[in-house]
Protein backbone atom coordinates (compact mmCIF):
# COMPACT_ATOMS: atom_id res chain seq x y z
CA MET A 1 135.67 47.73 31.01
CA PRO A 2 137.71 46.37 28.02
CA LYS A 3 139.41 49.00 25.86
CA ALA A 4 137.35 48.08 22.80
CA THR A 5 134.11 48.57 24.76
CA GLN A 6 135.36 51.87 26.15
CA GLY A 7 136.14 53.04 22.63
CA THR A 8 132.71 52.07 21.34
CA ALA A 9 130.96 53.91 24.16
CA ALA A 10 133.09 57.01 23.64
CA GLN A 11 132.38 56.89 19.91
CA THR A 12 128.61 56.66 20.56
CA ARG A 13 128.75 59.60 22.92
CA GLY A 14 130.72 61.63 20.42
CA GLN A 15 128.48 60.93 17.49
CA LEU A 16 125.34 62.51 18.95
CA THR A 17 125.19 65.72 20.88
CA PRO A 18 122.37 66.84 23.20
CA GLU A 19 121.28 69.20 20.42
CA ASP A 20 120.91 66.22 18.06
CA TRP A 21 118.53 64.57 20.49
CA ILE A 22 116.61 67.81 21.03
CA ARG A 23 116.23 68.33 17.25
CA ALA A 24 114.97 64.80 16.84
CA ALA A 25 112.59 65.23 19.75
CA ARG A 26 111.25 68.44 18.27
CA ALA A 27 110.69 66.75 14.92
CA LEU A 28 108.61 64.07 16.63
CA LEU A 29 106.69 66.69 18.58
CA VAL A 30 105.80 68.43 15.32
CA SER A 31 105.03 65.35 13.20
CA ARG A 32 103.18 63.41 15.89
CA SER A 33 102.76 64.71 19.44
CA VAL A 34 104.54 65.00 22.76
CA ASP A 35 103.40 61.43 23.52
CA ALA A 36 105.66 60.20 20.73
CA VAL A 37 108.72 61.87 22.23
CA ARG A 38 110.05 58.81 24.06
CA VAL A 39 113.53 57.41 24.51
CA GLU A 40 112.83 54.19 22.64
CA VAL A 41 111.24 56.00 19.70
CA LEU A 42 114.08 58.52 19.45
CA SER A 43 116.72 55.80 19.72
CA LYS A 44 115.13 53.99 16.84
CA GLU A 45 114.87 57.20 14.78
CA LEU A 46 118.51 58.04 15.42
CA GLU A 47 119.65 54.42 15.06
CA VAL A 48 121.47 54.29 18.37
CA THR A 49 121.03 52.36 21.61
CA ARG A 50 118.80 53.65 24.36
CA GLY A 51 121.84 53.71 26.61
CA SER A 52 123.44 56.49 24.57
CA PHE A 53 120.54 58.77 25.49
CA TYR A 54 121.57 58.69 29.15
CA TRP A 55 124.98 60.14 28.44
CA HIS A 56 123.20 63.46 27.85
CA PHE A 57 119.89 63.34 29.74
CA LYS A 58 118.77 62.07 33.13
CA ASP A 59 115.42 60.91 31.79
CA ARG A 60 112.59 61.78 29.42
CA ASP A 61 111.46 64.72 31.55
CA ASP A 62 114.95 66.16 31.38
CA LEU A 63 114.82 65.96 27.58
CA LEU A 64 111.39 67.57 27.44
CA ASN A 65 112.50 70.38 29.76
CA ARG A 66 115.57 71.08 27.71
CA MET A 67 113.65 70.94 24.43
CA LEU A 68 111.18 73.46 25.82
CA GLU A 69 113.96 75.69 27.10
CA SER A 70 115.69 75.54 23.71
CA TRP A 71 112.50 76.65 22.00
CA ARG A 72 111.92 79.46 24.51
CA ASN A 73 115.41 80.82 23.95
CA GLU A 74 115.03 80.70 20.17
CA ALA A 75 111.55 82.24 20.22
CA THR A 76 112.63 85.06 22.51
CA GLU A 77 115.98 85.63 20.79
CA GLN A 78 114.25 85.99 17.45
CA ILE A 79 112.24 88.99 18.61
CA ILE A 80 115.13 90.52 20.61
CA TYR A 81 117.35 90.31 17.52
CA ARG A 82 114.84 92.36 15.56
CA PHE A 83 114.41 94.98 18.25
CA GLU A 84 117.84 95.38 19.78
CA ARG A 85 120.41 94.31 17.20
CA ARG A 86 119.18 95.42 13.78
CA ASN A 87 118.58 99.05 14.77
CA LEU A 88 115.63 99.38 12.42
CA ALA A 89 113.42 102.46 12.56
CA PRO A 90 110.06 101.69 14.27
CA ARG A 91 108.06 101.83 11.02
CA ASP A 92 110.50 99.56 9.25
CA LEU A 93 110.34 97.20 12.24
CA VAL A 94 106.56 96.93 11.95
CA ARG A 95 106.90 96.11 8.25
CA ASP A 96 109.59 93.53 9.08
CA LEU A 97 107.36 91.84 11.64
CA LEU A 98 104.47 91.76 9.20
CA MET A 99 106.69 89.83 6.84
CA LEU A 100 107.65 87.12 9.37
CA PRO A 101 105.06 84.53 8.26
CA PHE A 102 106.25 84.77 4.66
CA ARG A 103 109.93 83.96 5.08
CA GLY A 104 109.86 80.63 3.27
CA ALA A 105 110.78 77.26 4.73
CA ALA A 106 112.22 78.78 7.91
CA ALA A 107 108.92 80.50 8.69
CA GLN A 108 106.95 77.29 7.97
CA GLU A 109 109.19 75.27 10.27
CA ALA A 110 108.92 77.86 13.05
CA ALA A 111 105.12 77.95 12.65
CA SER A 112 104.85 74.16 12.77
CA THR A 113 106.97 74.04 15.90
CA GLU A 114 104.98 76.75 17.59
CA LEU A 115 101.69 75.07 16.74
CA ALA A 116 102.98 71.85 18.30
CA ILE A 117 104.14 73.72 21.41
CA ARG A 118 100.74 75.35 21.77
CA ALA A 119 99.01 71.99 21.44
CA TRP A 120 101.30 70.60 24.12
CA ALA A 121 100.56 73.59 26.37
CA ARG A 122 96.87 72.71 26.45
CA ARG A 123 97.80 69.55 28.32
CA ASP A 124 100.75 70.68 30.45
CA GLU A 125 100.66 73.60 32.86
CA ARG A 126 104.46 73.93 32.84
CA VAL A 127 104.46 74.39 29.06
CA ARG A 128 101.54 76.79 29.31
CA HIS A 129 103.57 78.94 31.68
CA VAL A 130 106.57 79.02 29.33
CA LEU A 131 104.33 79.85 26.37
CA ASP A 132 102.67 82.67 28.32
CA GLU A 133 106.13 84.08 29.09
CA VAL A 134 107.12 84.00 25.45
CA ASP A 135 103.86 85.66 24.32
CA ALA A 136 104.23 88.35 26.98
CA LYS A 137 107.84 89.00 25.99
CA ARG A 138 107.01 89.34 22.31
CA LEU A 139 104.02 91.58 22.98
CA SER A 140 106.10 93.79 25.27
CA TYR A 141 108.75 94.37 22.62
CA ILE A 142 106.15 95.04 19.92
CA SER A 143 104.35 97.48 22.21
CA GLN A 144 107.64 99.37 22.68
CA CYS A 145 107.84 99.70 18.93
CA PHE A 146 104.42 101.42 18.75
CA SER A 147 105.27 103.58 21.78
CA ALA A 148 108.31 104.77 19.84
CA LEU A 149 105.96 105.82 17.09
CA GLY A 150 104.14 108.09 19.54
CA PHE A 151 101.14 105.97 20.49
CA GLY A 152 99.96 105.99 24.10
CA ILE A 153 100.48 102.93 26.27
CA ALA A 154 96.95 101.48 25.86
CA GLU A 155 96.91 102.00 22.10
CA ALA A 156 100.48 100.72 21.69
CA ARG A 157 99.46 97.53 23.46
CA ALA A 158 96.30 97.15 21.36
CA ARG A 159 98.21 97.62 18.12
CA ALA A 160 100.89 95.22 19.26
CA PHE A 161 98.26 92.60 20.00
CA SER A 162 96.69 93.14 16.57
CA LEU A 163 100.03 92.73 14.84
CA TYR A 164 100.95 89.66 16.88
CA SER A 165 97.57 88.05 16.29
CA TYR A 166 97.94 88.71 12.56
CA THR A 167 101.36 87.02 12.34
CA LEU A 168 100.11 84.00 14.23
CA SER A 169 97.00 83.76 12.06
CA GLU A 170 98.94 84.00 8.80
CA SER A 171 101.28 81.26 10.07
CA LEU A 172 98.42 78.96 10.99
CA LEU A 173 96.36 79.74 7.87
CA SER A 174 99.31 79.69 5.47
CA HIS A 175 97.33 77.99 2.69
CA GLN A 176 94.50 80.50 2.71
CA GLY A 177 94.55 82.82 -0.27
CA THR A 178 96.89 83.49 -3.16
CA ASP A 179 100.17 85.35 -2.83
CA GLU A 180 98.35 88.44 -4.10
CA GLN A 181 95.62 88.10 -1.49
CA LYS A 182 98.20 87.62 1.26
CA ALA A 183 100.00 90.78 0.10
CA GLU A 184 96.67 92.63 0.18
CA ARG A 185 96.02 91.49 3.75
CA ARG A 186 99.52 92.49 4.79
CA GLY A 187 99.15 95.89 3.17
CA TYR A 188 95.82 96.45 4.87
CA LEU A 189 97.31 95.62 8.28
CA GLU A 190 100.27 97.87 7.68
CA LYS A 191 98.01 100.83 6.90
CA MET A 192 95.81 100.09 9.89
CA LEU A 193 98.67 99.66 12.33
CA LEU A 194 100.68 102.66 11.17
CA GLY A 195 97.70 104.94 10.68
CA GLU A 196 96.60 107.83 12.84
CA ARG A 197 96.08 107.47 16.54
CA GLN A 198 92.52 106.80 17.59
CA GLY A 199 90.56 109.93 18.38
CA THR A 200 92.71 112.17 16.18
């Protein structure tokens, strides 16, 4: 290969990282669907040749797998960070989780991505399995929070599911209600979730 050609190829490889491709793929997944996440479409979006894609990925399935793995790590890490690294008291942790859907642009982006992943999971058993793992991991950590507050196992799980369902609903229904109404809903859930144990 001529030196000039070698330099051009090396420059193309260096300009885009695998993470760049994964971010672009995720953007297409969110704005359109998994069907749009194709090498030719991404190459056009990123203004590079199709050949540059194959410096980082074996094929489209490799990209999809790595995009899914990237999301799983982020989605799991987010909840682990709150539970294991911030050392919040259990009650403060519940309040922190209730605030997740209201954290501005970052929350909206995360919600859009998750909605797209869930739509993809309806068509792909592999994605469904990953999503189930993420949901189970999140619910497990939230249940531990309620257990630390003194609730029994069954009730801790039920309260965890209620909290998790609420955060998903607020993310999906982000345009429903005024800021005041959203605060009222959040306050109601906080009182319900942190209230007395059932039967007491």
